[in-house]
């Protein structure tokens, strides 16, 4: 209890320093140490409290973004950790879909669609579709980085399913401006989540616009099992732990996940 209180006090001070920014401090080198120090303190914090509780504590201090950036690799690593608790996977799935839901509501993306679904149903559908758009585009970039192009890419059907699933269910999104905004919003929201370890910035601006440079040499087929593992993990996680597709009103996203 004392350790938790002390850590909260120190992290609260760090949050205040972070809000000031480097321009308000006379020692830039000190400010450069803040991210690493914050990360180490948050690691210590989760030794004492469950990850979901730690998230809400950091959010209350104004360190939500710092929490996500620091623990994003941990969320991605759950796919290879046999001892990753189920409740932690549930936490990440819930956090991701609710973060995307808020972003979609903020940008009023649903207002570009004329359907019989309610706003609540549309936002939930678009949040889950949006996650798989981000995963699909990250996979696309990972394939390109490993020497694959669209003609020789054995994963092309899967990537197209992830990226184009929303368009099949909501064709009105195919209007270029609408779809571009949608993609930019969901990819920006998930910048903290590295789907593939070698991609430090999985949703970079260059990637978001589809500009990928193919390296010289033959394709690296050793990358394919990793891609299957990543895609399978996230697909199964949403199927098992997202409650939204269980709602009969969200039949479109449920169909997408089951295909």
Protein backbone atom coordinates (compact mmCIF):
# COMPACT_ATOMS: atom_id res chain seq x y z
CA UNK A 1 0.00 0.00 0.00
CA UNK A 2 2.81 2.41 0.92
CA UNK A 3 4.75 1.48 -2.23
CA UNK A 4 1.70 2.11 -4.41
CA UNK A 5 1.09 5.51 -2.81
CA UNK A 6 4.72 6.52 -3.26
CA UNK A 7 4.74 5.42 -6.89
CA UNK A 8 1.54 7.35 -7.54
CA UNK A 9 3.10 10.44 -5.96
CA UNK A 10 6.23 10.22 -8.12
CA UNK A 11 4.22 9.50 -11.27
CA UNK A 12 1.97 12.44 -10.47
CA UNK A 13 5.07 14.66 -10.35
CA UNK A 14 6.23 13.23 -13.67
CA UNK A 15 2.81 13.92 -15.18
CA UNK A 16 3.14 17.55 -14.09
CA UNK A 17 6.61 17.78 -15.68
CA UNK A 18 5.29 16.18 -18.87
CA UNK A 19 2.51 18.76 -19.10
CA UNK A 20 5.05 21.56 -18.80
CA UNK A 21 6.98 20.25 -21.79
CA UNK A 22 10.68 20.69 -22.64
CA UNK A 23 10.34 24.37 -23.57
CA UNK A 24 9.35 25.29 -20.01
CA UNK A 25 12.33 23.50 -18.46
CA UNK A 26 15.86 24.87 -18.42
CA UNK A 27 17.33 21.36 -18.64
CA UNK A 28 16.35 19.56 -21.88
CA UNK A 29 18.57 16.59 -21.01
CA UNK A 30 16.48 16.02 -17.89
CA UNK A 31 13.27 15.98 -19.93
CA UNK A 32 14.78 13.43 -22.30
CA UNK A 33 15.01 11.00 -19.38
CA UNK A 34 11.33 11.30 -18.53
CA UNK A 35 9.91 8.62 -20.91
CA UNK A 36 12.34 5.92 -19.75
CA UNK A 37 11.85 6.84 -16.08
CA UNK A 38 8.08 6.84 -16.50
CA UNK A 39 8.19 3.41 -18.12
CA UNK A 40 10.30 1.91 -15.34
CA UNK A 41 8.00 3.33 -12.68
CA UNK A 42 4.92 2.00 -14.45
CA UNK A 43 6.57 -1.43 -14.66
CA UNK A 44 7.09 -1.26 -10.92
CA UNK A 45 3.50 -0.11 -10.42
CA UNK A 46 2.04 -3.16 -12.17
CA UNK A 47 4.04 -5.36 -9.80
CA UNK A 48 1.64 -4.20 -7.10
CA UNK A 49 -1.67 -3.71 -8.92
CA UNK A 50 -3.42 -5.49 -11.84
CA UNK A 51 -2.83 -4.05 -15.30
CA UNK A 52 -6.42 -2.74 -15.74
CA UNK A 53 -6.23 -0.91 -12.41
CA UNK A 54 -2.83 0.49 -13.36
CA UNK A 55 -4.29 1.77 -16.63
CA UNK A 56 -7.08 3.65 -14.88
CA UNK A 57 -4.62 5.06 -12.35
CA UNK A 58 -2.33 6.34 -15.10
CA UNK A 59 -5.33 7.72 -16.97
CA UNK A 60 -6.36 9.67 -13.87
CA UNK A 61 -2.86 11.20 -13.74
CA UNK A 62 -2.94 12.20 -17.40
CA UNK A 63 -0.46 9.49 -18.40
CA UNK A 64 -2.81 7.41 -20.52
CA UNK A 65 -0.84 7.87 -23.73
CA UNK A 66 2.43 7.08 -21.96
CA UNK A 67 0.88 3.91 -20.53
CA UNK A 68 -0.26 2.71 -23.96
CA UNK A 69 3.05 3.44 -25.67
CA UNK A 70 4.98 1.67 -22.91
CA UNK A 71 2.74 -1.38 -22.60
CA UNK A 72 1.79 -1.67 -26.29
CA UNK A 73 4.60 -4.21 -26.89
CA UNK A 74 3.29 -6.20 -23.92
CA UNK A 75 -0.18 -6.32 -25.52
CA UNK A 76 1.36 -7.58 -28.76
CA UNK A 77 3.53 -10.11 -26.92
CA UNK A 78 0.53 -11.86 -25.38
CA UNK A 79 0.31 -13.94 -28.55
CA UNK A 80 3.63 -15.66 -27.75
CA UNK A 81 3.36 -15.79 -23.96
CA UNK A 82 1.79 -19.03 -22.82
CA UNK A 83 1.36 -17.58 -19.34
CA UNK A 84 -0.44 -14.42 -20.46
CA UNK A 85 -3.58 -14.30 -18.26
CA UNK A 86 -6.93 -14.44 -20.02
CA UNK A 87 -8.11 -11.38 -18.12
CA UNK A 88 -5.20 -9.40 -19.59
CA UNK A 89 -6.18 -10.37 -23.14
CA UNK A 90 -9.77 -9.40 -22.32
CA UNK A 91 -8.49 -6.07 -21.01
CA UNK A 92 -6.60 -5.28 -24.21
CA UNK A 93 -9.49 -6.27 -26.49
CA UNK A 94 -11.90 -4.14 -24.46
CA UNK A 95 -9.50 -1.19 -24.33
CA UNK A 96 -8.79 -1.30 -28.07
CA UNK A 97 -12.39 -1.49 -29.20
CA UNK A 98 -13.54 1.23 -26.79
CA UNK A 99 -10.68 3.51 -27.82
CA UNK A 100 -11.67 3.10 -31.47
CA UNK A 101 -15.34 3.56 -30.58
CA UNK A 102 -14.61 6.94 -28.99
CA UNK A 103 -12.52 8.04 -31.97
CA UNK A 104 -15.22 7.05 -34.45
CA UNK A 105 -17.82 8.88 -32.39
CA UNK A 106 -15.57 11.94 -32.13
CA UNK A 107 -15.11 12.11 -35.91
CA UNK A 108 -18.77 11.21 -36.56
CA UNK A 109 -17.77 8.66 -39.18
CA UNK A 110 -21.12 6.95 -38.77
CA UNK A 111 -22.83 10.11 -40.12
CA UNK A 112 -21.49 9.27 -43.59
CA UNK A 113 -23.59 6.09 -43.71
CA UNK A 114 -27.29 5.75 -44.38
CA UNK A 115 -28.36 2.38 -43.01
CA UNK A 116 -31.04 0.84 -40.85
CA UNK A 117 -28.56 0.25 -38.01
CA UNK A 118 -28.57 2.50 -34.98
CA UNK A 119 -25.62 4.80 -34.27
CA UNK A 120 -24.54 2.53 -31.42
CA UNK A 121 -24.48 -0.53 -33.69
CA UNK A 122 -22.65 1.35 -36.45
CA UNK A 123 -19.98 2.62 -34.07
CA UNK A 124 -19.36 -0.84 -32.65
CA UNK A 125 -19.15 -2.38 -36.11
CA UNK A 126 -16.81 0.33 -37.36
CA UNK A 127 -14.59 0.01 -34.28
CA UNK A 128 -13.97 -3.70 -34.85
CA UNK A 129 -13.68 -3.33 -38.62
CA UNK A 130 -11.26 -0.49 -37.96
CA UNK A 131 -9.02 -2.63 -35.80
CA UNK A 132 -8.65 -5.18 -38.57
CA UNK A 133 -8.00 -2.44 -41.13
CA UNK A 134 -5.05 -1.36 -38.99
CA UNK A 135 -3.91 -4.97 -38.62
CA UNK A 136 -4.30 -5.56 -42.37
CA UNK A 137 -2.29 -2.47 -43.31
CA UNK A 138 0.43 -3.34 -40.81
CA UNK A 139 0.54 -6.86 -42.25
CA UNK A 140 0.74 -5.39 -45.75
CA UNK A 141 3.76 -3.32 -44.74
CA UNK A 142 5.40 -6.26 -42.97
CA UNK A 143 5.00 -8.36 -46.12
CA UNK A 144 6.50 -5.60 -48.27
CA UNK A 145 9.40 -5.23 -45.83
CA UNK A 146 10.04 -8.95 -46.28
CA UNK A 147 10.16 -8.77 -50.06
CA UNK A 148 6.59 -9.69 -51.05
CA UNK A 149 4.52 -7.80 -53.59
CA UNK A 150 0.79 -8.14 -54.23
CA UNK A 151 1.29 -10.53 -57.15
CA UNK A 152 3.38 -13.08 -55.28
CA UNK A 153 1.84 -12.53 -51.86
CA UNK A 154 0.27 -15.74 -50.50
CA UNK A 155 -1.44 -13.71 -47.76
CA UNK A 156 -3.13 -11.27 -50.12
CA UNK A 157 -6.62 -12.72 -49.62
CA UNK A 158 -6.34 -12.42 -45.84
CA UNK A 159 -5.04 -8.86 -46.06
CA UNK A 160 -7.85 -7.88 -48.43
CA UNK A 161 -10.39 -9.46 -46.08
CA UNK A 162 -9.12 -7.39 -43.16
CA UNK A 163 -8.78 -4.12 -45.06
CA UNK A 164 -11.91 -4.44 -47.18
CA UNK A 165 -14.30 -6.10 -44.75
CA UNK A 166 -15.98 -2.83 -43.80
CA UNK A 167 -16.54 -1.90 -47.46
CA UNK A 168 -18.36 -5.15 -48.17
CA UNK A 169 -20.75 -4.55 -45.28
CA UNK A 170 -20.99 -0.76 -45.62
CA UNK A 171 -20.42 0.11 -49.33
CA UNK A 172 -21.06 3.81 -48.67
CA UNK A 173 -17.65 3.94 -46.99
CA UNK A 174 -16.07 3.40 -50.41
CA UNK A 175 -16.38 7.13 -51.11
CA UNK A 176 -12.70 8.07 -51.10
CA UNK A 177 -12.90 10.91 -48.59
CA UNK A 178 -14.98 8.84 -46.16
CA UNK A 179 -12.77 5.78 -46.31
CA UNK A 180 -9.56 7.80 -46.12
CA UNK A 181 -10.76 9.56 -42.98
CA UNK A 182 -11.85 6.25 -41.44
CA UNK A 183 -8.48 4.61 -42.13
CA UNK A 184 -6.52 7.60 -40.84
CA UNK A 185 -8.55 7.72 -37.63
CA UNK A 186 -8.23 4.04 -36.72
CA UNK A 187 -4.54 3.81 -37.67
CA UNK A 188 -3.68 6.93 -35.70
CA UNK A 189 -5.51 5.60 -32.64
CA UNK A 190 -3.50 2.37 -32.71
CA UNK A 191 -0.04 3.84 -33.27
CA UNK A 192 0.95 2.53 -29.84
CA UNK A 193 0.28 -1.13 -30.74
CA UNK A 194 3.17 -2.81 -32.63
CA UNK A 195 1.52 -5.76 -34.37
CA UNK A 196 4.92 -6.88 -35.66
CA UNK A 197 8.02 -6.41 -33.47
CA UNK A 198 10.24 -5.22 -36.31
CA UNK A 199 7.81 -2.44 -37.22
CA UNK A 200 8.46 0.26 -34.64
CA UNK A 201 5.79 2.50 -36.13
CA UNK A 202 3.16 0.12 -37.55
CA UNK A 203 0.75 2.84 -38.62
CA UNK A 204 3.23 5.44 -39.93
CA UNK A 205 1.99 8.16 -42.24
CA UNK A 206 3.91 6.64 -45.15
CA UNK A 207 2.32 3.26 -44.56
CA UNK A 208 -1.15 4.72 -44.04
CA UNK A 209 -1.07 6.04 -47.61
CA UNK A 210 0.10 2.73 -49.00
CA UNK A 211 3.64 3.74 -50.02
CA UNK A 212 5.86 0.75 -49.35
CA UNK A 213 9.35 0.11 -50.66
CA UNK A 214 10.14 -3.49 -51.55
CA UNK A 215 13.64 -4.57 -50.50
CA UNK A 216 15.92 -6.19 -53.03
CA UNK A 217 16.28 -9.96 -53.08
CA UNK A 218 13.85 -12.89 -52.88
CA UNK A 219 10.87 -12.85 -50.49
CA UNK A 220 11.52 -13.97 -46.94
CA UNK A 221 9.11 -16.89 -46.53
CA UNK A 222 10.13 -17.27 -42.89
CA UNK A 223 7.94 -14.22 -42.21
CA UNK A 224 4.74 -16.04 -43.20
CA UNK A 225 4.35 -18.18 -40.04
CA UNK A 226 4.75 -15.06 -37.92
CA UNK A 227 2.06 -13.28 -39.93
CA UNK A 228 -0.32 -16.21 -39.55
CA UNK A 229 0.39 -16.27 -35.83
CA UNK A 230 -0.27 -12.55 -35.38
CA UNK A 231 -3.45 -12.50 -37.47
CA UNK A 232 -4.80 -15.69 -35.92
CA UNK A 233 -4.12 -14.44 -32.39
CA UNK A 234 -6.01 -11.16 -32.83
CA UNK A 235 -8.84 -12.74 -34.78
CA UNK A 236 -9.36 -15.42 -32.13
CA UNK A 237 -9.05 -12.86 -29.33
CA UNK A 238 -11.88 -10.77 -30.75
CA UNK A 239 -14.00 -13.85 -31.45
CA UNK A 240 -13.55 -15.14 -27.90
CA UNK A 241 -13.47 -11.98 -25.82
CA UNK A 242 -15.37 -9.21 -27.58
CA UNK A 243 -18.97 -9.13 -26.41
CA UNK A 244 -20.14 -6.86 -29.20
CA UNK A 245 -20.47 -9.49 -31.97
CA UNK A 246 -22.71 -11.49 -29.62
CA UNK A 247 -25.34 -8.77 -29.97
CA UNK A 248 -27.78 -9.81 -32.73
CA UNK A 249 -27.72 -6.22 -34.01
CA UNK A 250 -24.01 -6.49 -34.78
CA UNK A 251 -24.55 -9.32 -37.25
CA UNK A 252 -22.33 -7.74 -39.91
CA UNK A 253 -19.18 -7.71 -37.82
CA UNK A 254 -20.01 -11.16 -36.43
CA UNK A 255 -20.17 -12.47 -39.99
CA UNK A 256 -16.86 -10.79 -40.81
CA UNK A 257 -15.11 -12.42 -37.84
CA UNK A 258 -16.46 -15.87 -38.67
CA UNK A 259 -15.41 -15.87 -42.34
